[in-house]
Amino acid sequence: MYLEKAVWLLKTQIEFVKWKIKQTIPARRQLKWVGEMIELVELVYALHAMGRFGDISIKKLFDVICEMFDCKIKNFYHLFWDIRNRTKGDRAVFIDKMKEALIQKMEEADNRKY
């Protein structure tokens, strides 16, 4: 009987530890990039170009962003090359779409009745 209670107690504690580990996983690991990888590359290069993360290498920035958004981009230099090779007026396609989406969201908020 004591052995059964000890086994039950150990199983309960193991389940508690498993639950506690799940609770302590950083929230950033729960984010998932669901867009195209080339869009993320465009965004990261734009942030890097603006110096928003200080003096950090583009590779280090991609390492951090990819960890945060749970994705892998091994060929970001190549994807940036593809972005650079777009026609002059359409080089920042994703950034332009982001701007349009943000403006639309602000206009919708402006038109809401409270």
PDB file of N, CA and C in Angstrom:
ATOM      1  N   MET A   1       0.817  -1.182   0.000  1.00  0.00           N
ATOM      2  CA  MET A   1       0.000   0.000   0.000  1.00  0.00           C
ATOM      3  C   MET A   1       0.871   1.260   0.000  1.00  0.00           C
ATOM      4  N   TYR A   2       1.917   1.268   0.832  1.00  0.00           N
ATOM      5  CA  TYR A   2       2.810   2.432   0.877  1.00  0.00           C
ATOM      6  C   TYR A   2       3.545   2.599  -0.444  1.00  0.00           C
ATOM      7  N   LEU A   3       3.908   1.472  -1.031  1.00  0.00           N
ATOM      8  CA  LEU A   3       4.612   1.527  -2.311  1.00  0.00           C
ATOM      9  C   LEU A   3       3.718   2.128  -3.395  1.00  0.00           C
ATOM     10  N   GLU A   4       2.449   1.745  -3.407  1.00  0.00           N
ATOM     11  CA  GLU A   4       1.499   2.288  -4.373  1.00  0.00           C
ATOM     12  C   GLU A   4       1.336   3.797  -4.184  1.00  0.00           C
ATOM     13  N   LYS A   5       1.272   4.249  -2.948  1.00  0.00           N
ATOM     14  CA  LYS A   5       1.144   5.680  -2.673  1.00  0.00           C
ATOM     15  C   LYS A   5       2.406   6.427  -3.092  1.00  0.00           C
ATOM     16  N   ALA A   6       3.553   5.821  -2.875  1.00  0.00           N
ATOM     17  CA  ALA A   6       4.818   6.451  -3.265  1.00  0.00           C
ATOM     18  C   ALA A   6       4.911   6.565  -4.779  1.00  0.00           C
ATOM     19  N   VAL A   7       4.517   5.529  -5.481  1.00  0.00           N
ATOM     20  CA  VAL A   7       4.527   5.548  -6.943  1.00  0.00           C
ATOM     21  C   VAL A   7       3.551   6.611  -7.447  1.00  0.00           C
ATOM     22  N   TRP A   8       2.351   6.666  -6.864  1.00  0.00           N
ATOM     23  CA  TRP A   8       1.371   7.668  -7.256  1.00  0.00           C
ATOM     24  C   TRP A   8       1.910   9.081  -7.018  1.00  0.00           C
ATOM     25  N   LEU A   9       2.559   9.284  -5.869  1.00  0.00           N
ATOM     26  CA  LEU A   9       3.122  10.591  -5.548  1.00  0.00           C
ATOM     27  C   LEU A   9       4.205  10.979  -6.550  1.00  0.00           C
ATOM     28  N   LEU A  10       5.068  10.032  -6.898  1.00  0.00           N
ATOM     29  CA  LEU A  10       6.113  10.309  -7.886  1.00  0.00           C
ATOM     30  C   LEU A  10       5.520  10.646  -9.252  1.00  0.00           C
ATOM     31  N   LYS A  11       4.524   9.906  -9.679  1.00  0.00           N
ATOM     32  CA  LYS A  11       3.881  10.183 -10.966  1.00  0.00           C
ATOM     33  C   LYS A  11       3.234  11.568 -10.957  1.00  0.00           C
ATOM     34  N   THR A  12       2.601  11.901  -9.863  1.00  0.00           N
ATOM     35  CA  THR A  12       1.975  13.215  -9.731  1.00  0.00           C
ATOM     36  C   THR A  12       3.020  14.320  -9.800  1.00  0.00           C
ATOM     37  N   GLN A  13       4.129  14.137  -9.130  1.00  0.00           N
ATOM     38  CA  GLN A  13       5.180  15.149  -9.152  1.00  0.00           C
ATOM     39  C   GLN A  13       5.811  15.265 -10.535  1.00  0.00           C
ATOM     40  N   ILE A  14       5.973  14.159 -11.226  1.00  0.00           N
ATOM     41  CA  ILE A  14       6.515  14.195 -12.592  1.00  0.00           C
ATOM     42  C   ILE A  14       5.567  14.977 -13.503  1.00  0.00           C
ATOM     43  N   GLU A  15       4.277  14.719 -13.393  1.00  0.00           N
ATOM     44  CA  GLU A  15       3.302  15.454 -14.204  1.00  0.00           C
ATOM     45  C   GLU A  15       3.331  16.943 -13.868  1.00  0.00           C
ATOM     46  N   PHE A  16       3.493  17.275 -12.594  1.00  0.00           N
ATOM     47  CA  PHE A  16       3.569  18.677 -12.192  1.00  0.00           C
ATOM     48  C   PHE A  16       4.806  19.337 -12.798  1.00  0.00           C
ATOM     49  N   VAL A  17       5.929  18.652 -12.768  1.00  0.00           N
ATOM     50  CA  VAL A  17       7.163  19.203 -13.337  1.00  0.00           C
ATOM     51  C   VAL A  17       6.993  19.405 -14.846  1.00  0.00           C
ATOM     52  N   LYS A  18       6.389  18.463 -15.544  1.00  0.00           N
ATOM     53  CA  LYS A  18       6.134  18.614 -16.975  1.00  0.00           C
ATOM     54  C   LYS A  18       5.256  19.840 -17.242  1.00  0.00           C
ATOM     55  N   TRP A  19       4.216  19.993 -16.432  1.00  0.00           N
ATOM     56  CA  TRP A  19       3.330  21.150 -16.581  1.00  0.00           C
ATOM     57  C   TRP A  19       4.084  22.446 -16.329  1.00  0.00           C
ATOM     58  N   LYS A  20       4.908  22.460 -15.285  1.00  0.00           N
ATOM     59  CA  LYS A  20       5.667  23.659 -14.922  1.00  0.00           C
ATOM     60  C   LYS A  20       6.649  24.035 -16.030  1.00  0.00           C
ATOM     61  N   ILE A  21       7.285  23.051 -16.631  1.00  0.00           N
ATOM     62  CA  ILE A  21       8.213  23.318 -17.738  1.00  0.00           C
ATOM     63  C   ILE A  21       7.464  23.974 -18.891  1.00  0.00           C
ATOM     64  N   LYS A  22       6.282  23.471 -19.226  1.00  0.00           N
ATOM     65  CA  LYS A  22       5.491  24.062 -20.308  1.00  0.00           C
ATOM     66  C   LYS A  22       5.129  25.506 -19.998  1.00  0.00           C
ATOM     67  N   GLN A  23       4.878  25.804 -18.725  1.00  0.00           N
ATOM     68  CA  GLN A  23       4.491  27.163 -18.336  1.00  0.00           C
ATOM     69  C   GLN A  23       5.660  28.133 -18.404  1.00  0.00           C
ATOM     70  N   THR A  24       6.884  27.639 -18.316  1.00  0.00           N
ATOM     71  CA  THR A  24       8.041  28.534 -18.287  1.00  0.00           C
ATOM     72  C   THR A  24       8.686  28.728 -19.651  1.00  0.00           C
ATOM     73  N   ILE A  25       8.158  28.070 -20.686  1.00  0.00           N
ATOM     74  CA  ILE A  25       8.687  28.282 -22.035  1.00  0.00           C
ATOM     75  C   ILE A  25       8.372  29.715 -22.432  1.00  0.00           C
ATOM     76  N   PRO A  26       9.362  30.465 -22.889  1.00  0.00           N
ATOM     77  CA  PRO A  26       9.118  31.871 -23.252  1.00  0.00           C
ATOM     78  C   PRO A  26       8.028  32.006 -24.301  1.00  0.00           C
ATOM     79  N   ALA A  27       7.237  33.055 -24.174  1.00  0.00           N
ATOM     80  CA  ALA A  27       6.139  33.298 -25.110  1.00  0.00           C
ATOM     81  C   ALA A  27       6.644  33.460 -26.532  1.00  0.00           C
ATOM     82  N   ARG A  28       7.869  33.959 -26.685  1.00  0.00           N
ATOM     83  CA  ARG A  28       8.385  34.191 -28.028  1.00  0.00           C
ATOM     84  C   ARG A  28       8.464  32.906 -28.838  1.00  0.00           C
ATOM     85  N   ARG A  29       8.606  31.781 -28.186  1.00  0.00           N
ATOM     86  CA  ARG A  29       8.676  30.517 -28.915  1.00  0.00           C
ATOM     87  C   ARG A  29       7.297  30.089 -29.412  1.00  0.00           C
ATOM     88  N   GLN A  30       6.269  30.771 -28.964  1.00  0.00           N
ATOM     89  CA  GLN A  30       4.925  30.418 -29.395  1.00  0.00           C
ATOM     90  C   GLN A  30       4.527  31.173 -30.658  1.00  0.00           C
ATOM     91  N   LEU A  31       5.353  32.106 -31.108  1.00  0.00           N
ATOM     92  CA  LEU A  31       5.070  32.831 -32.333  1.00  0.00           C
ATOM     93  C   LEU A  31       5.516  31.998 -33.532  1.00  0.00           C
ATOM     94  N   LYS A  32       4.757  32.071 -34.592  1.00  0.00           N
ATOM     95  CA  LYS A  32       5.090  31.312 -35.800  1.00  0.00           C
ATOM     96  C   LYS A  32       4.895  32.212 -37.001  1.00  0.00           C
ATOM     97  N   TRP A  33       5.940  32.390 -37.804  1.00  0.00           N
ATOM     98  CA  TRP A  33       5.828  33.167 -39.028  1.00  0.00           C
ATOM     99  C   TRP A  33       5.069  32.327 -40.039  1.00  0.00           C
ATOM    100  N   VAL A  34       3.955  32.852 -40.538  1.00  0.00           N
ATOM    101  CA  VAL A  34       3.132  32.090 -41.482  1.00  0.00           C
ATOM    102  C   VAL A  34       3.150  32.708 -42.873  1.00  0.00           C
ATOM    103  N   GLY A  35       3.873  33.807 -43.038  1.00  0.00           N
ATOM    104  CA  GLY A  35       3.987  34.436 -44.349  1.00  0.00           C
ATOM    105  C   GLY A  35       5.084  33.784 -45.166  1.00  0.00           C
ATOM    106  N   GLU A  36       5.318  34.350 -46.318  1.00  0.00           N
ATOM    107  CA  GLU A  36       6.392  33.868 -47.182  1.00  0.00           C
ATOM    108  C   GLU A  36       7.742  34.253 -46.569  1.00  0.00           C
ATOM    109  N   MET A  37       8.745  33.411 -46.756  1.00  0.00           N
ATOM    110  CA  MET A  37      10.072  33.693 -46.215  1.00  0.00           C
ATOM    111  C   MET A  37      10.672  34.948 -46.840  1.00  0.00           C
ATOM    112  N   ILE A  38      10.385  35.176 -48.111  1.00  0.00           N
ATOM    113  CA  ILE A  38      10.932  36.364 -48.767  1.00  0.00           C
ATOM    114  C   ILE A  38      10.353  37.636 -48.134  1.00  0.00           C
ATOM    115  N   GLU A  39       9.115  37.556 -47.635  1.00  0.00           N
ATOM    116  CA  GLU A  39       8.513  38.700 -46.940  1.00  0.00           C
ATOM    117  C   GLU A  39       9.243  38.986 -45.632  1.00  0.00           C
ATOM    118  N   LEU A  40       9.562  37.933 -44.912  1.00  0.00           N
ATOM    119  CA  LEU A  40      10.301  38.104 -43.659  1.00  0.00           C
ATOM    120  C   LEU A  40      11.693  38.662 -43.931  1.00  0.00           C
ATOM    121  N   VAL A  41      12.318  38.193 -44.985  1.00  0.00           N
ATOM    122  CA  VAL A  41      13.642  38.704 -45.356  1.00  0.00           C
ATOM    123  C   VAL A  41      13.553  40.196 -45.655  1.00  0.00           C
ATOM    124  N   GLU A  42      12.545  40.598 -46.404  1.00  0.00           N
ATOM    125  CA  GLU A  42      12.361  42.011 -46.725  1.00  0.00           C
ATOM    126  C   GLU A  42      12.166  42.837 -45.447  1.00  0.00           C
ATOM    127  N   LEU A  43      11.353  42.343 -44.539  1.00  0.00           N
ATOM    128  CA  LEU A  43      11.094  43.040 -43.277  1.00  0.00           C
ATOM    129  C   LEU A  43      12.365  43.168 -42.440  1.00  0.00           C
ATOM    130  N   VAL A  44      13.099  42.079 -42.301  1.00  0.00           N
ATOM    131  CA  VAL A  44      14.306  42.089 -41.466  1.00  0.00           C
ATOM    132  C   VAL A  44      15.367  43.018 -42.073  1.00  0.00           C
ATOM    133  N   TYR A  45      15.538  42.963 -43.372  1.00  0.00           N
ATOM    134  CA  TYR A  45      16.507  43.867 -44.005  1.00  0.00           C
ATOM    135  C   TYR A  45      16.094  45.323 -43.824  1.00  0.00           C
ATOM    136  N   ALA A  46      14.798  45.605 -43.883  1.00  0.00           N
ATOM    137  CA  ALA A  46      14.330  46.986 -43.690  1.00  0.00           C
ATOM    138  C   ALA A  46      14.617  47.442 -42.261  1.00  0.00           C
ATOM    139  N   LEU A  47      14.346  46.598 -41.284  1.00  0.00           N
ATOM    140  CA  LEU A  47      14.639  46.950 -39.885  1.00  0.00           C
ATOM    141  C   LEU A  47      16.135  47.147 -39.681  1.00  0.00           C
ATOM    142  N   HIS A  48      16.923  46.292 -40.300  1.00  0.00           N
ATOM    143  CA  HIS A  48      18.379  46.404 -40.183  1.00  0.00           C
ATOM    144  C   HIS A  48      18.869  47.694 -40.836  1.00  0.00           C
ATOM    145  N   ALA A  49      18.315  48.013 -41.998  1.00  0.00           N
ATOM    146  CA  ALA A  49      18.726  49.220 -42.718  1.00  0.00           C
ATOM    147  C   ALA A  49      18.418  50.476 -41.908  1.00  0.00           C
ATOM    148  N   MET A  50      17.353  50.422 -41.111  1.00  0.00           N
ATOM    149  CA  MET A  50      16.972  51.572 -40.295  1.00  0.00           C
ATOM    150  C   MET A  50      17.731  51.613 -38.969  1.00  0.00           C
ATOM    151  N   GLY A  51      18.498  50.565 -38.688  1.00  0.00           N
ATOM    152  CA  GLY A  51      19.287  50.535 -37.458  1.00  0.00           C
ATOM    153  C   GLY A  51      18.455  50.394 -36.203  1.00  0.00           C
ATOM    154  N   ARG A  52      17.292  49.797 -36.303  1.00  0.00           N
ATOM    155  CA  ARG A  52      16.379  49.695 -35.160  1.00  0.00           C
ATOM    156  C   ARG A  52      16.847  48.749 -34.059  1.00  0.00           C
ATOM    157  N   PHE A  53      17.834  47.940 -34.335  1.00  0.00           N
ATOM    158  CA  PHE A  53      18.367  47.029 -33.320  1.00  0.00           C
ATOM    159  C   PHE A  53      19.817  47.360 -32.994  1.00  0.00           C
ATOM    160  N   GLY A  54      20.215  48.566 -33.309  1.00  0.00           N
ATOM    161  CA  GLY A  54      21.578  48.977 -33.006  1.00  0.00           C
ATOM    162  C   GLY A  54      22.568  48.374 -33.978  1.00  0.00           C
ATOM    163  N   ASP A  55      23.780  48.216 -33.485  1.00  0.00           N
ATOM    164  CA  ASP A  55      24.885  47.725 -34.316  1.00  0.00           C
ATOM    165  C   ASP A  55      24.943  46.201 -34.221  1.00  0.00           C
ATOM    166  N   ILE A  56      24.089  45.539 -34.994  1.00  0.00           N
ATOM    167  CA  ILE A  56      24.018  44.079 -34.994  1.00  0.00           C
ATOM    168  C   ILE A  56      24.210  43.610 -36.431  1.00  0.00           C
ATOM    169  N   SER A  57      24.893  42.511 -36.590  1.00  0.00           N
ATOM    170  CA  SER A  57      25.086  41.995 -37.949  1.00  0.00           C
ATOM    171  C   SER A  57      23.761  41.461 -38.482  1.00  0.00           C
ATOM    172  N   ILE A  58      23.627  41.450 -39.791  1.00  0.00           N
ATOM    173  CA  ILE A  58      22.400  40.949 -40.405  1.00  0.00           C
ATOM    174  C   ILE A  58      22.221  39.468 -40.086  1.00  0.00           C
ATOM    175  N   LYS A  59      23.307  38.723 -40.027  1.00  0.00           N
ATOM    176  CA  LYS A  59      23.219  37.298 -39.692  1.00  0.00           C
ATOM    177  C   LYS A  59      22.698  37.099 -38.275  1.00  0.00           C
ATOM    178  N   LYS A  60      23.224  37.867 -37.321  1.00  0.00           N
ATOM    179  CA  LYS A  60      22.776  37.763 -35.931  1.00  0.00           C
ATOM    180  C   LYS A  60      21.306  38.156 -35.817  1.00  0.00           C
ATOM    181  N   LEU A  61      20.908  39.193 -36.546  1.00  0.00           N
ATOM    182  CA  LEU A  61      19.507  39.615 -36.521  1.00  0.00           C
ATOM    183  C   LEU A  61      18.609  38.506 -37.054  1.00  0.00           C
ATOM    184  N   PHE A  62      19.025  37.862 -38.143  1.00  0.00           N
ATOM    185  CA  PHE A  62      18.238  36.745 -38.668  1.00  0.00           C
ATOM    186  C   PHE A  62      18.192  35.582 -37.681  1.00  0.00           C
ATOM    187  N   ASP A  63      19.289  35.309 -37.004  1.00  0.00           N
ATOM    188  CA  ASP A  63      19.292  34.241 -35.994  1.00  0.00           C
ATOM    189  C   ASP A  63      18.236  34.515 -34.920  1.00  0.00           C
ATOM    190  N   VAL A  64      18.202  35.744 -34.432  1.00  0.00           N
ATOM    191  CA  VAL A  64      17.260  36.112 -33.367  1.00  0.00           C
ATOM    192  C   VAL A  64      15.821  36.073 -33.887  1.00  0.00           C
ATOM    193  N   ILE A  65      15.590  36.674 -35.040  1.00  0.00           N
ATOM    194  CA  ILE A  65      14.235  36.725 -35.611  1.00  0.00           C
ATOM    195  C   ILE A  65      13.720  35.323 -35.919  1.00  0.00           C
ATOM    196  N   CYS A  66      14.579  34.485 -36.488  1.00  0.00           N
ATOM    197  CA  CYS A  66      14.156  33.120 -36.824  1.00  0.00           C
ATOM    198  C   CYS A  66      13.847  32.304 -35.571  1.00  0.00           C
ATOM    199  N   GLU A  67      14.591  32.526 -34.519  1.00  0.00           N
ATOM    200  CA  GLU A  67      14.284  31.842 -33.260  1.00  0.00           C
ATOM    201  C   GLU A  67      12.959  32.344 -32.704  1.00  0.00           C
ATOM    202  N   MET A  68      12.750  33.647 -32.779  1.00  0.00           N
ATOM    203  CA  MET A  68      11.531  34.241 -32.235  1.00  0.00           C
ATOM    204  C   MET A  68      10.299  33.793 -33.011  1.00  0.00           C
ATOM    205  N   PHE A  69      10.410  33.710 -34.335  1.00  0.00           N
ATOM    206  CA  PHE A  69       9.267  33.362 -35.171  1.00  0.00           C
ATOM    207  C   PHE A  69       9.244  31.892 -35.577  1.00  0.00           C
ATOM    208  N   ASP A  70      10.099  31.080 -34.959  1.00  0.00           N
ATOM    209  CA  ASP A  70      10.106  29.640 -35.185  1.00  0.00           C
ATOM    210  C   ASP A  70      10.183  29.301 -36.683  1.00  0.00           C
ATOM    211  N   CYS A  71      11.206  29.818 -37.337  1.00  0.00           N
ATOM    212  CA  CYS A  71      11.386  29.520 -38.752  1.00  0.00           C
ATOM    213  C   CYS A  71      12.879  29.376 -39.050  1.00  0.00           C
ATOM    214  N   LYS A  72      13.167  28.869 -40.210  1.00  0.00           N
ATOM    215  CA  LYS A  72      14.563  28.712 -40.646  1.00  0.00           C
ATOM    216  C   LYS A  72      14.726  29.371 -42.005  1.00  0.00           C
ATOM    217  N   ILE A  73      15.692  30.254 -42.089  1.00  0.00           N
ATOM    218  CA  ILE A  73      16.032  30.878 -43.371  1.00  0.00           C
ATOM    219  C   ILE A  73      17.530  30.706 -43.543  1.00  0.00           C
ATOM    220  N   LYS A  74      17.903  29.755 -44.361  1.00  0.00           N
ATOM    221  CA  LYS A  74      19.326  29.490 -44.577  1.00  0.00           C
ATOM    222  C   LYS A  74      19.898  30.361 -45.687  1.00  0.00           C
ATOM    223  N   ASN A  75      19.042  30.824 -46.572  1.00  0.00           N
ATOM    224  CA  ASN A  75      19.514  31.508 -47.772  1.00  0.00           C
ATOM    225  C   ASN A  75      19.038  32.957 -47.817  1.00  0.00           C
ATOM    226  N   PHE A  76      19.088  33.670 -46.685  1.00  0.00           N
ATOM    227  CA  PHE A  76      18.543  35.028 -46.678  1.00  0.00           C
ATOM    228  C   PHE A  76      19.320  35.957 -47.601  1.00  0.00           C
ATOM    229  N   TYR A  77      20.630  35.723 -47.780  1.00  0.00           N
ATOM    230  CA  TYR A  77      21.394  36.549 -48.719  1.00  0.00           C
ATOM    231  C   TYR A  77      20.856  36.381 -50.147  1.00  0.00           C
ATOM    232  N   HIS A  78      20.551  35.144 -50.507  1.00  0.00           N
ATOM    233  CA  HIS A  78      20.023  34.864 -51.839  1.00  0.00           C
ATOM    234  C   HIS A  78      18.636  35.494 -52.018  1.00  0.00           C
ATOM    235  N   LEU A  79      17.797  35.390 -50.982  1.00  0.00           N
ATOM    236  CA  LEU A  79      16.466  35.988 -51.068  1.00  0.00           C
ATOM    237  C   LEU A  79      16.560  37.510 -51.163  1.00  0.00           C
ATOM    238  N   PHE A  80      17.526  38.101 -50.462  1.00  0.00           N
ATOM    239  CA  PHE A  80      17.719  39.546 -50.576  1.00  0.00           C
ATOM    240  C   PHE A  80      18.170  39.910 -51.988  1.00  0.00           C
ATOM    241  N   TRP A  81      18.973  39.060 -52.585  1.00  0.00           N
ATOM    242  CA  TRP A  81      19.397  39.272 -53.967  1.00  0.00           C
ATOM    243  C   TRP A  81      18.173  39.291 -54.879  1.00  0.00           C
ATOM    244  N   ASP A  82      17.236  38.349 -54.644  1.00  0.00           N
ATOM    245  CA  ASP A  82      15.995  38.318 -55.430  1.00  0.00           C
ATOM    246  C   ASP A  82      15.196  39.610 -55.248  1.00  0.00           C
ATOM    247  N   ILE A  83      15.138  40.098 -54.025  1.00  0.00           N
ATOM    248  CA  ILE A  83      14.429  41.354 -53.752  1.00  0.00           C
ATOM    249  C   ILE A  83      15.098  42.504 -54.495  1.00  0.00           C
ATOM    250  N   ARG A  84      16.417  42.543 -54.458  1.00  0.00           N
ATOM    251  CA  ARG A  84      17.164  43.609 -55.137  1.00  0.00           C
ATOM    252  C   ARG A  84      16.963  43.569 -56.644  1.00  0.00           C
ATOM    253  N   ASN A  85      16.705  42.389 -57.184  1.00  0.00           N
ATOM    254  CA  ASN A  85      16.547  42.242 -58.629  1.00  0.00           C
ATOM    255  C   ASN A  85      15.132  42.542 -59.121  1.00  0.00           C
ATOM    256  N   ARG A  86      14.238  42.900 -58.222  1.00  0.00           N
ATOM    257  CA  ARG A  86      12.903  43.302 -58.649  1.00  0.00           C
ATOM    258  C   ARG A  86      13.012  44.620 -59.410  1.00  0.00           C
ATOM    259  N   THR A  87      11.975  44.919 -60.176  1.00  0.00           N
ATOM    260  CA  THR A  87      11.989  46.190 -60.908  1.00  0.00           C
ATOM    261  C   THR A  87      12.021  47.342 -59.922  1.00  0.00           C
ATOM    262  N   LYS A  88      12.620  48.418 -60.312  1.00  0.00           N
ATOM    263  CA  LYS A  88      12.899  49.553 -59.417  1.00  0.00           C
ATOM    264  C   LYS A  88      11.678  50.030 -58.626  1.00  0.00           C
ATOM    265  N   GLY A  89      10.517  50.104 -59.253  1.00  0.00           N
ATOM    266  CA  GLY A  89       9.337  50.618 -58.550  1.00  0.00           C
ATOM    267  C   GLY A  89       8.696  49.626 -57.596  1.00  0.00           C
ATOM    268  N   ASP A  90       9.022  48.347 -57.745  1.00  0.00           N
ATOM    269  CA  ASP A  90       8.365  47.301 -56.951  1.00  0.00           C
ATOM    270  C   ASP A  90       9.351  46.522 -56.088  1.00  0.00           C
ATOM    271  N   ARG A  91      10.336  47.165 -55.563  1.00  0.00           N
ATOM    272  CA  ARG A  91      11.364  46.436 -54.815  1.00  0.00           C
ATOM    273  C   ARG A  91      10.914  46.069 -53.408  1.00  0.00           C
ATOM    274  N   ALA A  92      10.144  46.916 -52.760  1.00  0.00           N
ATOM    275  CA  ALA A  92       9.728  46.663 -51.366  1.00  0.00           C
ATOM    276  C   ALA A  92       8.250  46.287 -51.324  1.00  0.00           C
ATOM    277  N   VAL A  93       7.890  45.221 -51.992  1.00  0.00           N
ATOM    278  CA  VAL A  93       6.495  44.799 -52.140  1.00  0.00           C
ATOM    279  C   VAL A  93       5.849  44.547 -50.777  1.00  0.00           C
ATOM    280  N   PHE A  94       6.496  43.797 -49.925  1.00  0.00           N
ATOM    281  CA  PHE A  94       5.907  43.461 -48.629  1.00  0.00           C
ATOM    282  C   PHE A  94       5.780  44.689 -47.733  1.00  0.00           C
ATOM    283  N   ILE A  95       6.800  45.533 -47.723  1.00  0.00           N
ATOM    284  CA  ILE A  95       6.750  46.758 -46.919  1.00  0.00           C
ATOM    285  C   ILE A  95       5.599  47.635 -47.397  1.00  0.00           C
ATOM    286  N   ASP A  96       5.402  47.723 -48.710  1.00  0.00           N
ATOM    287  CA  ASP A  96       4.282  48.499 -49.246  1.00  0.00           C
ATOM    288  C   ASP A  96       2.940  47.905 -48.801  1.00  0.00           C
ATOM    289  N   LYS A  97       2.820  46.574 -48.832  1.00  0.00           N
ATOM    290  CA  LYS A  97       1.581  45.915 -48.383  1.00  0.00           C
ATOM    291  C   LYS A  97       1.348  46.157 -46.897  1.00  0.00           C
ATOM    292  N   MET A  98       2.421  46.137 -46.115  1.00  0.00           N
ATOM    293  CA  MET A  98       2.289  46.415 -44.681  1.00  0.00           C
ATOM    294  C   MET A  98       1.758  47.819 -44.459  1.00  0.00           C
ATOM    295  N   LYS A  99       2.299  48.773 -45.186  1.00  0.00           N
ATOM    296  CA  LYS A  99       1.867  50.166 -45.046  1.00  0.00           C
ATOM    297  C   LYS A  99       0.389  50.294 -45.398  1.00  0.00           C
ATOM    298  N   GLU A 100      -0.022  49.690 -46.499  1.00  0.00           N
ATOM    299  CA  GLU A 100      -1.425  49.739 -46.905  1.00  0.00           C
ATOM    300  C   GLU A 100      -2.337  49.103 -45.855  1.00  0.00           C
ATOM    301  N   ALA A 101      -1.922  47.966 -45.304  1.00  0.00           N
ATOM    302  CA  ALA A 101      -2.731  47.282 -44.298  1.00  0.00           C
ATOM    303  C   ALA A 101      -2.851  48.115 -43.023  1.00  0.00           C
ATOM    304  N   LEU A 102      -1.763  48.754 -42.625  1.00  0.00           N
ATOM    305  CA  LEU A 102      -1.788  49.590 -41.429  1.00  0.00           C
ATOM    306  C   LEU A 102      -2.695  50.800 -41.629  1.00  0.00           C
ATOM    307  N   ILE A 103      -2.583  51.450 -42.763  1.00  0.00           N
ATOM    308  CA  ILE A 103      -3.431  52.610 -43.044  1.00  0.00           C
ATOM    309  C   ILE A 103      -4.904  52.204 -43.063  1.00  0.00           C
ATOM    310  N   GLN A 104      -5.206  51.065 -43.681  1.00  0.00           N
ATOM    311  CA  GLN A 104      -6.583  50.575 -43.720  1.00  0.00           C
ATOM    312  C   GLN A 104      -7.096  50.303 -42.311  1.00  0.00           C
ATOM    313  N   LYS A 105      -6.279  49.688 -41.473  1.00  0.00           N
ATOM    314  CA  LYS A 105      -6.683  49.398 -40.091  1.00  0.00           C
ATOM    315  C   LYS A 105      -6.950  50.686 -39.323  1.00  0.00           C
ATOM    316  N   MET A 106      -6.107  51.704 -39.520  1.00  0.00           N
ATOM    317  CA  MET A 106      -6.308  52.982 -38.840  1.00  0.00           C
ATOM    318  C   MET A 106      -7.582  53.658 -39.330  1.00  0.00           C
ATOM    319  N   GLU A 107      -7.843  53.594 -40.633  1.00  0.00           N
ATOM    320  CA  GLU A 107      -9.059  54.189 -41.173  1.00  0.00           C
ATOM    321  C   GLU A 107     -10.307  53.481 -40.657  1.00  0.00           C
ATOM    322  N   GLU A 108     -10.242  52.153 -40.556  1.00  0.00           N
ATOM    323  CA  GLU A 108     -11.364  51.398 -39.990  1.00  0.00           C
ATOM    324  C   GLU A 108     -11.606  51.804 -38.536  1.00  0.00           C
ATOM    325  N   ALA A 109     -10.524  51.979 -37.780  1.00  0.00           N
ATOM    326  CA  ALA A 109     -10.650  52.400 -36.383  1.00  0.00           C
ATOM    327  C   ALA A 109     -11.219  53.811 -36.302  1.00  0.00           C
ATOM    328  N   ASP A 110     -10.829  54.679 -37.232  1.00  0.00           N
ATOM    329  CA  ASP A 110     -11.344  56.051 -37.261  1.00  0.00           C
ATOM    330  C   ASP A 110     -12.845  56.078 -37.543  1.00  0.00           C
ATOM    331  N   ASN A 111     -13.307  55.122 -38.337  1.00  0.00           N
ATOM    332  CA  ASN A 111     -14.716  55.108 -38.754  1.00  0.00           C
ATOM    333  C   ASN A 111     -15.622  54.341 -37.794  1.00  0.00           C
ATOM    334  N   ARG A 112     -15.045  53.687 -36.787  1.00  0.00           N
ATOM    335  CA  ARG A 112     -15.861  52.941 -35.820  1.00  0.00           C
ATOM    336  C   ARG A 112     -16.638  53.904 -34.941  1.00  0.00           C
ATOM    337  N   LYS A 113     -17.843  53.510 -34.619  1.00  0.00           N
ATOM    338  CA  LYS A 113     -18.650  54.304 -33.684  1.00  0.00           C
ATOM    339  C   LYS A 113     -18.533  53.654 -32.320  1.00  0.00           C
ATOM    340  N   TYR A 114     -18.247  54.461 -31.341  1.00  0.00           N
ATOM    341  CA  TYR A 114     -18.068  53.930 -29.972  1.00  0.00           C
ATOM    342  C   TYR A 114     -19.287  54.208 -29.136  1.00  0.00           C
TER     343      TYR A 114
END
